[in-house]
Amino acid sequence: MSGVQLNAEQFYSRITALHGHWLTNKDTDWGGADAVVITAGKGEEEQTVYWVSVAAQLYLFDVELPESVLILTKDALHFFGSSSKIKKL
């Protein structure tokens, strides 16, 4: 992740769109979920389970953030990851 510059305006625009869609369509498209959780493991190429999470991270951040968790609730956004990832965000 060295040398990565995150585009804060783009992130805010995209997370706002995701949040709005989830709140508006919570019962129809999101199964009534009380939160949106995006998890990513170690980023090993042979693990295909996390491809949707990686796609979501690339959409939001323009970079993959292995070994991290993002939780979006009605009123908050929580990010869990290493201190170096958190500093970048």
PDB file of N, CA and C in Angstrom:
ATOM      1  N   MET A   1       0.812  -1.185   0.000  1.00  0.00           N
ATOM      2  CA  MET A   1       0.000   0.000   0.000  1.00  0.00           C
ATOM      3  C   MET A   1       0.859   1.254   0.000  1.00  0.00           C
ATOM      4  N   SER A   2       2.132   1.065  -0.053  1.00  0.00           N
ATOM      5  CA  SER A   2       3.048   2.187  -0.043  1.00  0.00           C
ATOM      6  C   SER A   2       2.841   3.071  -1.259  1.00  0.00           C
ATOM      7  N   GLY A   3       2.823   4.380  -1.048  1.00  0.00           N
ATOM      8  CA  GLY A   3       2.675   5.326  -2.136  1.00  0.00           C
ATOM      9  C   GLY A   3       1.266   5.498  -2.663  1.00  0.00           C
ATOM     10  N   VAL A   4       0.296   4.882  -2.019  1.00  0.00           N
ATOM     11  CA  VAL A   4      -1.090   4.976  -2.472  1.00  0.00           C
ATOM     12  C   VAL A   4      -1.706   6.266  -1.967  1.00  0.00           C
ATOM     13  N   GLN A   5      -2.331   7.009  -2.855  1.00  0.00           N
ATOM     14  CA  GLN A   5      -3.037   8.240  -2.503  1.00  0.00           C
ATOM     15  C   GLN A   5      -4.521   7.995  -2.720  1.00  0.00           C
ATOM     16  N   LEU A   6      -5.290   7.990  -1.647  1.00  0.00           N
ATOM     17  CA  LEU A   6      -6.724   7.762  -1.762  1.00  0.00           C
ATOM     18  C   LEU A   6      -7.436   9.062  -2.119  1.00  0.00           C
ATOM     19  N   ASN A   7      -8.401   8.960  -2.994  1.00  0.00           N
ATOM     20  CA  ASN A   7      -9.189  10.107  -3.427  1.00  0.00           C
ATOM     21  C   ASN A   7     -10.386  10.240  -2.482  1.00  0.00           C
ATOM     22  N   ALA A   8     -10.289  11.160  -1.528  1.00  0.00           N
ATOM     23  CA  ALA A   8     -11.321  11.307  -0.491  1.00  0.00           C
ATOM     24  C   ALA A   8     -12.663  11.709  -1.087  1.00  0.00           C
ATOM     25  N   GLU A   9     -12.668  12.580  -2.067  1.00  0.00           N
ATOM     26  CA  GLU A   9     -13.920  13.026  -2.687  1.00  0.00           C
ATOM     27  C   GLU A   9     -14.625  11.862  -3.388  1.00  0.00           C
ATOM     28  N   GLN A  10     -13.869  11.072  -4.120  1.00  0.00           N
ATOM     29  CA  GLN A  10     -14.432   9.912  -4.807  1.00  0.00           C
ATOM     30  C   GLN A  10     -14.956   8.897  -3.792  1.00  0.00           C
ATOM     31  N   PHE A  11     -14.172   8.631  -2.734  1.00  0.00           N
ATOM     32  CA  PHE A  11     -14.616   7.693  -1.704  1.00  0.00           C
ATOM     33  C   PHE A  11     -15.922   8.175  -1.078  1.00  0.00           C
ATOM     34  N   TYR A  12     -15.979   9.433  -0.692  1.00  0.00           N
ATOM     35  CA  TYR A  12     -17.181   9.971  -0.049  1.00  0.00           C
ATOM     36  C   TYR A  12     -18.389   9.849  -0.979  1.00  0.00           C
ATOM     37  N   SER A  13     -18.209  10.160  -2.231  1.00  0.00           N
ATOM     38  CA  SER A  13     -19.295  10.054  -3.207  1.00  0.00           C
ATOM     39  C   SER A  13     -19.789   8.615  -3.327  1.00  0.00           C
ATOM     40  N   ARG A  14     -18.862   7.679  -3.406  1.00  0.00           N
ATOM     41  CA  ARG A  14     -19.231   6.281  -3.590  1.00  0.00           C
ATOM     42  C   ARG A  14     -19.816   5.654  -2.325  1.00  0.00           C
ATOM     43  N   ILE A  15     -19.268   5.967  -1.159  1.00  0.00           N
ATOM     44  CA  ILE A  15     -19.814   5.401   0.072  1.00  0.00           C
ATOM     45  C   ILE A  15     -21.186   6.004   0.357  1.00  0.00           C
ATOM     46  N   THR A  16     -21.387   7.265  -0.011  1.00  0.00           N
ATOM     47  CA  THR A  16     -22.695   7.903   0.145  1.00  0.00           C
ATOM     48  C   THR A  16     -23.721   7.241  -0.764  1.00  0.00           C
ATOM     49  N   ALA A  17     -23.326   6.927  -1.988  1.00  0.00           N
ATOM     50  CA  ALA A  17     -24.235   6.248  -2.919  1.00  0.00           C
ATOM     51  C   ALA A  17     -24.580   4.847  -2.406  1.00  0.00           C
ATOM     52  N   LEU A  18     -23.579   4.103  -1.939  1.00  0.00           N
ATOM     53  CA  LEU A  18     -23.823   2.773  -1.392  1.00  0.00           C
ATOM     54  C   LEU A  18     -24.745   2.849  -0.173  1.00  0.00           C
ATOM     55  N   HIS A  19     -24.459   3.775   0.715  1.00  0.00           N
ATOM     56  CA  HIS A  19     -25.255   3.950   1.932  1.00  0.00           C
ATOM     57  C   HIS A  19     -26.697   4.311   1.583  1.00  0.00           C
ATOM     58  N   GLY A  20     -26.880   5.234   0.652  1.00  0.00           N
ATOM     59  CA  GLY A  20     -28.221   5.633   0.231  1.00  0.00           C
ATOM     60  C   GLY A  20     -29.001   4.493  -0.396  1.00  0.00           C
ATOM     61  N   HIS A  21     -28.327   3.727  -1.242  1.00  0.00           N
ATOM     62  CA  HIS A  21     -29.002   2.587  -1.882  1.00  0.00           C
ATOM     63  C   HIS A  21     -29.415   1.563  -0.837  1.00  0.00           C
ATOM     64  N   TRP A  22     -28.508   1.285   0.083  1.00  0.00           N
ATOM     65  CA  TRP A  22     -28.817   0.311   1.132  1.00  0.00           C
ATOM     66  C   TRP A  22     -30.002   0.776   1.975  1.00  0.00           C
ATOM     67  N   LEU A  23     -29.992   2.035   2.417  1.00  0.00           N
ATOM     68  CA  LEU A  23     -31.095   2.524   3.251  1.00  0.00           C
ATOM     69  C   LEU A  23     -32.423   2.539   2.490  1.00  0.00           C
ATOM     70  N   THR A  24     -32.387   2.953   1.241  1.00  0.00           N
ATOM     71  CA  THR A  24     -33.607   3.049   0.432  1.00  0.00           C
ATOM     72  C   THR A  24     -34.158   1.676   0.059  1.00  0.00           C
ATOM     73  N   ASN A  25     -33.284   0.724  -0.196  1.00  0.00           N
ATOM     74  CA  ASN A  25     -33.685  -0.592  -0.696  1.00  0.00           C
ATOM     75  C   ASN A  25     -33.358  -1.722   0.276  1.00  0.00           C
ATOM     76  N   LYS A  26     -33.235  -1.381   1.538  1.00  0.00           N
ATOM     77  CA  LYS A  26     -32.825  -2.334   2.569  1.00  0.00           C
ATOM     78  C   LYS A  26     -33.661  -3.615   2.551  1.00  0.00           C
ATOM     79  N   ASP A  27     -34.965  -3.476   2.485  1.00  0.00           N
ATOM     80  CA  ASP A  27     -35.838  -4.647   2.566  1.00  0.00           C
ATOM     81  C   ASP A  27     -35.950  -5.407   1.250  1.00  0.00           C
ATOM     82  N   THR A  28     -35.802  -4.718   0.126  1.00  0.00           N
ATOM     83  CA  THR A  28     -35.986  -5.398  -1.167  1.00  0.00           C
ATOM     84  C   THR A  28     -34.687  -5.977  -1.724  1.00  0.00           C
ATOM     85  N   ASP A  29     -33.589  -5.233  -1.639  1.00  0.00           N
ATOM     86  CA  ASP A  29     -32.333  -5.667  -2.253  1.00  0.00           C
ATOM     87  C   ASP A  29     -31.300  -6.196  -1.262  1.00  0.00           C
ATOM     88  N   TRP A  30     -31.452  -5.879   0.010  1.00  0.00           N
ATOM     89  CA  TRP A  30     -30.433  -6.190   1.005  1.00  0.00           C
ATOM     90  C   TRP A  30     -30.921  -7.154   2.079  1.00  0.00           C
ATOM     91  N   GLY A  31     -32.061  -7.782   1.858  1.00  0.00           N
ATOM     92  CA  GLY A  31     -32.570  -8.788   2.788  1.00  0.00           C
ATOM     93  C   GLY A  31     -32.863  -8.264   4.177  1.00  0.00           C
ATOM     94  N   GLY A  32     -33.135  -6.959   4.289  1.00  0.00           N
ATOM     95  CA  GLY A  32     -33.439  -6.375   5.594  1.00  0.00           C
ATOM     96  C   GLY A  32     -32.226  -6.229   6.496  1.00  0.00           C
ATOM     97  N   ALA A  33     -31.040  -6.273   5.926  1.00  0.00           N
ATOM     98  CA  ALA A  33     -29.800  -6.214   6.717  1.00  0.00           C
ATOM     99  C   ALA A  33     -29.711  -4.928   7.531  1.00  0.00           C
ATOM    100  N   ASP A  34     -29.244  -5.050   8.770  1.00  0.00           N
ATOM    101  CA  ASP A  34     -29.056  -3.897   9.650  1.00  0.00           C
ATOM    102  C   ASP A  34     -27.703  -3.238   9.443  1.00  0.00           C
ATOM    103  N   ALA A  35     -26.817  -3.874   8.696  1.00  0.00           N
ATOM    104  CA  ALA A  35     -25.498  -3.323   8.423  1.00  0.00           C
ATOM    105  C   ALA A  35     -24.960  -3.957   7.143  1.00  0.00           C
ATOM    106  N   VAL A  36     -24.018  -3.267   6.524  1.00  0.00           N
ATOM    107  CA  VAL A  36     -23.296  -3.807   5.374  1.00  0.00           C
ATOM    108  C   VAL A  36     -21.870  -4.058   5.854  1.00  0.00           C
ATOM    109  N   VAL A  37     -21.388  -5.280   5.665  1.00  0.00           N
ATOM    110  CA  VAL A  37     -20.049  -5.648   6.108  1.00  0.00           C
ATOM    111  C   VAL A  37     -19.241  -6.121   4.907  1.00  0.00           C
ATOM    112  N   ILE A  38     -18.072  -5.531   4.736  1.00  0.00           N
ATOM    113  CA  ILE A  38     -17.161  -5.920   3.662  1.00  0.00           C
ATOM    114  C   ILE A  38     -15.886  -6.421   4.327  1.00  0.00           C
ATOM    115  N   THR A  39     -15.601  -7.710   4.162  1.00  0.00           N
ATOM    116  CA  THR A  39     -14.413  -8.304   4.779  1.00  0.00           C
ATOM    117  C   THR A  39     -13.448  -8.773   3.704  1.00  0.00           C
ATOM    118  N   ALA A  40     -12.192  -8.755   4.035  1.00  0.00           N
ATOM    119  CA  ALA A  40     -11.177  -9.259   3.114  1.00  0.00           C
ATOM    120  C   ALA A  40     -10.123 -10.008   3.914  1.00  0.00           C
ATOM    121  N   GLY A  41      -9.729 -11.149   3.397  1.00  0.00           N
ATOM    122  CA  GLY A  41      -8.711 -11.966   4.051  1.00  0.00           C
ATOM    123  C   GLY A  41      -7.310 -11.533   3.653  1.00  0.00           C
ATOM    124  N   LYS A  42      -6.410 -12.499   3.592  1.00  0.00           N
ATOM    125  CA  LYS A  42      -5.001 -12.208   3.334  1.00  0.00           C
ATOM    126  C   LYS A  42      -4.706 -11.840   1.892  1.00  0.00           C
ATOM    127  N   GLY A  43      -5.665 -11.996   1.004  1.00  0.00           N
ATOM    128  CA  GLY A  43      -5.443 -11.621  -0.389  1.00  0.00           C
ATOM    129  C   GLY A  43      -4.709 -12.667  -1.193  1.00  0.00           C
ATOM    130  N   GLU A  44      -4.791 -13.910  -0.790  1.00  0.00           N
ATOM    131  CA  GLU A  44      -4.139 -14.978  -1.537  1.00  0.00           C
ATOM    132  C   GLU A  44      -4.910 -15.228  -2.827  1.00  0.00           C
ATOM    133  N   GLU A  45      -4.211 -15.314  -3.930  1.00  0.00           N
ATOM    134  CA  GLU A  45      -4.843 -15.414  -5.247  1.00  0.00           C
ATOM    135  C   GLU A  45      -5.756 -16.615  -5.398  1.00  0.00           C
ATOM    136  N   GLU A  46      -5.431 -17.732  -4.758  1.00  0.00           N
ATOM    137  CA  GLU A  46      -6.257 -18.922  -4.929  1.00  0.00           C
ATOM    138  C   GLU A  46      -7.564 -18.866  -4.138  1.00  0.00           C
ATOM    139  N   GLN A  47      -7.739 -17.891  -3.270  1.00  0.00           N
ATOM    140  CA  GLN A  47      -8.978 -17.748  -2.511  1.00  0.00           C
ATOM    141  C   GLN A  47      -9.955 -16.873  -3.284  1.00  0.00           C
ATOM    142  N   THR A  48     -10.969 -17.499  -3.850  1.00  0.00           N
ATOM    143  CA  THR A  48     -11.943 -16.762  -4.651  1.00  0.00           C
ATOM    144  C   THR A  48     -13.129 -16.287  -3.832  1.00  0.00           C
ATOM    145  N   VAL A  49     -13.217 -16.679  -2.583  1.00  0.00           N
ATOM    146  CA  VAL A  49     -14.342 -16.316  -1.718  1.00  0.00           C
ATOM    147  C   VAL A  49     -14.452 -14.800  -1.574  1.00  0.00           C
ATOM    148  N   TYR A  50     -13.339 -14.109  -1.595  1.00  0.00           N
ATOM    149  CA  TYR A  50     -13.331 -12.686  -1.296  1.00  0.00           C
ATOM    150  C   TYR A  50     -13.408 -11.784  -2.532  1.00  0.00           C
ATOM    151  N   TRP A  51     -13.666 -12.329  -3.706  1.00  0.00           N
ATOM    152  CA  TRP A  51     -13.677 -11.504  -4.910  1.00  0.00           C
ATOM    153  C   TRP A  51     -14.697 -10.374  -4.840  1.00  0.00           C
ATOM    154  N   VAL A  52     -15.871 -10.628  -4.287  1.00  0.00           N
ATOM    155  CA  VAL A  52     -16.891  -9.578  -4.173  1.00  0.00           C
ATOM    156  C   VAL A  52     -16.390  -8.492  -3.225  1.00  0.00           C
ATOM    157  N   SER A  53     -15.759  -8.886  -2.130  1.00  0.00           N
ATOM    158  CA  SER A  53     -15.202  -7.911  -1.190  1.00  0.00           C
ATOM    159  C   SER A  53     -14.098  -7.086  -1.838  1.00  0.00           C
ATOM    160  N   VAL A  54     -13.248  -7.743  -2.611  1.00  0.00           N
ATOM    161  CA  VAL A  54     -12.174  -7.028  -3.306  1.00  0.00           C
ATOM    162  C   VAL A  54     -12.764  -6.044  -4.310  1.00  0.00           C
ATOM    163  N   ALA A  55     -13.786  -6.456  -5.043  1.00  0.00           N
ATOM    164  CA  ALA A  55     -14.440  -5.558  -6.000  1.00  0.00           C
ATOM    165  C   ALA A  55     -15.028  -4.347  -5.271  1.00  0.00           C
ATOM    166  N   ALA A  56     -15.644  -4.581  -4.123  1.00  0.00           N
ATOM    167  CA  ALA A  56     -16.208  -3.470  -3.339  1.00  0.00           C
ATOM    168  C   ALA A  56     -15.106  -2.533  -2.854  1.00  0.00           C
ATOM    169  N   GLN A  57     -13.993  -3.095  -2.395  1.00  0.00           N
ATOM    170  CA  GLN A  57     -12.875  -2.257  -1.955  1.00  0.00           C
ATOM    171  C   GLN A  57     -12.298  -1.444  -3.105  1.00  0.00           C
ATOM    172  N   LEU A  58     -12.139  -2.067  -4.259  1.00  0.00           N
ATOM    173  CA  LEU A  58     -11.616  -1.334  -5.414  1.00  0.00           C
ATOM    174  C   LEU A  58     -12.558  -0.216  -5.828  1.00  0.00           C
ATOM    175  N   TYR A  59     -13.851  -0.460  -5.762  1.00  0.00           N
ATOM    176  CA  TYR A  59     -14.843   0.566  -6.077  1.00  0.00           C
ATOM    177  C   TYR A  59     -14.733   1.735  -5.094  1.00  0.00           C
ATOM    178  N   LEU A  60     -14.625   1.425  -3.822  1.00  0.00           N
ATOM    179  CA  LEU A  60     -14.602   2.484  -2.809  1.00  0.00           C
ATOM    180  C   LEU A  60     -13.252   3.179  -2.691  1.00  0.00           C
ATOM    181  N   PHE A  61     -12.165   2.401  -2.694  1.00  0.00           N
ATOM    182  CA  PHE A  61     -10.846   2.948  -2.378  1.00  0.00           C
ATOM    183  C   PHE A  61      -9.869   2.991  -3.549  1.00  0.00           C
ATOM    184  N   ASP A  62     -10.178   2.315  -4.644  1.00  0.00           N
ATOM    185  CA  ASP A  62      -9.245   2.155  -5.780  1.00  0.00           C
ATOM    186  C   ASP A  62      -8.019   1.328  -5.413  1.00  0.00           C
ATOM    187  N   VAL A  63      -8.108   0.575  -4.335  1.00  0.00           N
ATOM    188  CA  VAL A  63      -7.006  -0.284  -3.912  1.00  0.00           C
ATOM    189  C   VAL A  63      -7.585  -1.416  -3.057  1.00  0.00           C
ATOM    190  N   GLU A  64      -6.959  -2.583  -3.134  1.00  0.00           N
ATOM    191  CA  GLU A  64      -7.366  -3.708  -2.299  1.00  0.00           C
ATOM    192  C   GLU A  64      -6.754  -3.531  -0.914  1.00  0.00           C
ATOM    193  N   LEU A  65      -7.552  -3.792   0.111  1.00  0.00           N
ATOM    194  CA  LEU A  65      -7.085  -3.687   1.490  1.00  0.00           C
ATOM    195  C   LEU A  65      -7.227  -5.042   2.171  1.00  0.00           C
ATOM    196  N   PRO A  66      -6.250  -5.943   1.956  1.00  0.00           N
ATOM    197  CA  PRO A  66      -6.352  -7.269   2.559  1.00  0.00           C
ATOM    198  C   PRO A  66      -6.361  -7.186   4.081  1.00  0.00           C
ATOM    199  N   GLU A  67      -6.924  -8.205   4.689  1.00  0.00           N
ATOM    200  CA  GLU A  67      -7.005  -8.321   6.139  1.00  0.00           C
ATOM    201  C   GLU A  67      -7.650  -7.089   6.773  1.00  0.00           C
ATOM    202  N   SER A  68      -8.839  -6.763   6.280  1.00  0.00           N
ATOM    203  CA  SER A  68      -9.559  -5.611   6.804  1.00  0.00           C
ATOM    204  C   SER A  68     -11.062  -5.873   6.821  1.00  0.00           C
ATOM    205  N   VAL A  69     -11.770  -5.075   7.591  1.00  0.00           N
ATOM    206  CA  VAL A  69     -13.222  -5.171   7.697  1.00  0.00           C
ATOM    207  C   VAL A  69     -13.792  -3.763   7.668  1.00  0.00           C
ATOM    208  N   LEU A  70     -14.820  -3.563   6.856  1.00  0.00           N
ATOM    209  CA  LEU A  70     -15.540  -2.293   6.798  1.00  0.00           C
ATOM    210  C   LEU A  70     -16.992  -2.582   7.179  1.00  0.00           C
ATOM    211  N   ILE A  71     -17.522  -1.845   8.137  1.00  0.00           N
ATOM    212  CA  ILE A  71     -18.905  -2.021   8.578  1.00  0.00           C
ATOM    213  C   ILE A  71     -19.635  -0.697   8.401  1.00  0.00           C
ATOM    214  N   LEU A  72     -20.692  -0.726   7.607  1.00  0.00           N
ATOM    215  CA  LEU A  72     -21.514   0.445   7.339  1.00  0.00           C
ATOM    216  C   LEU A  72     -22.856   0.240   8.033  1.00  0.00           C
ATOM    217  N   THR A  73     -23.192   1.143   8.953  1.00  0.00           N
ATOM    218  CA  THR A  73     -24.476   1.081   9.643  1.00  0.00           C
ATOM    219  C   THR A  73     -25.286   2.315   9.269  1.00  0.00           C
ATOM    220  N   LYS A  74     -26.479   2.417   9.821  1.00  0.00           N
ATOM    221  CA  LYS A  74     -27.343   3.556   9.517  1.00  0.00           C
ATOM    222  C   LYS A  74     -26.648   4.877   9.845  1.00  0.00           C
ATOM    223  N   ASP A  75     -25.912   4.919  10.943  1.00  0.00           N
ATOM    224  CA  ASP A  75     -25.335   6.176  11.432  1.00  0.00           C
ATOM    225  C   ASP A  75     -23.818   6.251  11.433  1.00  0.00           C
ATOM    226  N   ALA A  76     -23.132   5.187  11.027  1.00  0.00           N
ATOM    227  CA  ALA A  76     -21.680   5.198  11.163  1.00  0.00           C
ATOM    228  C   ALA A  76     -21.002   4.299  10.132  1.00  0.00           C
ATOM    229  N   LEU A  77     -19.719   4.566   9.955  1.00  0.00           N
ATOM    230  CA  LEU A  77     -18.843   3.739   9.132  1.00  0.00           C
ATOM    231  C   LEU A  77     -17.668   3.350  10.018  1.00  0.00           C
ATOM    232  N   HIS A  78     -17.407   2.058  10.138  1.00  0.00           N
ATOM    233  CA  HIS A  78     -16.306   1.559  10.952  1.00  0.00           C
ATOM    234  C   HIS A  78     -15.334   0.814  10.050  1.00  0.00           C
ATOM    235  N   PHE A  79     -14.053   1.034  10.256  1.00  0.00           N
ATOM    236  CA  PHE A  79     -13.025   0.337   9.494  1.00  0.00           C
ATOM    237  C   PHE A  79     -12.052  -0.296  10.472  1.00  0.00           C
ATOM    238  N   PHE A  80     -11.786  -1.586  10.275  1.00  0.00           N
ATOM    239  CA  PHE A  80     -10.833  -2.308  11.098  1.00  0.00           C
ATOM    240  C   PHE A  80      -9.747  -2.871  10.194  1.00  0.00           C
ATOM    241  N   GLY A  81      -8.508  -2.558  10.525  1.00  0.00           N
ATOM    242  CA  GLY A  81      -7.375  -3.050   9.761  1.00  0.00           C
ATOM    243  C   GLY A  81      -6.100  -2.695  10.489  1.00  0.00           C
ATOM    244  N   SER A  82      -4.976  -2.956   9.861  1.00  0.00           N
ATOM    245  CA  SER A  82      -3.694  -2.631  10.478  1.00  0.00           C
ATOM    246  C   SER A  82      -3.545  -1.114  10.618  1.00  0.00           C
ATOM    247  N   SER A  83      -2.658  -0.701  11.490  1.00  0.00           N
ATOM    248  CA  SER A  83      -2.466   0.731  11.709  1.00  0.00           C
ATOM    249  C   SER A  83      -2.001   1.441  10.436  1.00  0.00           C
ATOM    250  N   SER A  84      -1.236   0.762   9.585  1.00  0.00           N
ATOM    251  CA  SER A  84      -0.779   1.399   8.343  1.00  0.00           C
ATOM    252  C   SER A  84      -1.958   1.634   7.386  1.00  0.00           C
ATOM    253  N   LYS A  85      -2.926   0.702   7.345  1.00  0.00           N
ATOM    254  CA  LYS A  85      -4.095   0.891   6.496  1.00  0.00           C
ATOM    255  C   LYS A  85      -4.968   2.029   7.033  1.00  0.00           C
ATOM    256  N   ILE A  86      -5.140   2.066   8.324  1.00  0.00           N
ATOM    257  CA  ILE A  86      -5.970   3.093   8.945  1.00  0.00           C
ATOM    258  C   ILE A  86      -5.373   4.475   8.730  1.00  0.00           C
ATOM    259  N   LYS A  87      -4.056   4.591   8.805  1.00  0.00           N
ATOM    260  CA  LYS A  87      -3.387   5.885   8.566  1.00  0.00           C
ATOM    261  C   LYS A  87      -3.648   6.379   7.151  1.00  0.00           C
ATOM    262  N   LYS A  88      -3.687   5.453   6.168  1.00  0.00           N
ATOM    263  CA  LYS A  88      -3.936   5.825   4.777  1.00  0.00           C
ATOM    264  C   LYS A  88      -5.352   6.339   4.595  1.00  0.00           C
ATOM    265  N   LEU A  89      -6.292   5.806   5.392  1.00  0.00           N
ATOM    266  CA  LEU A  89      -7.689   6.197   5.263  1.00  0.00           C
ATOM    267  C   LEU A  89      -7.967   7.458   6.050  1.00  0.00           C
TER     268      LEU A  89
END
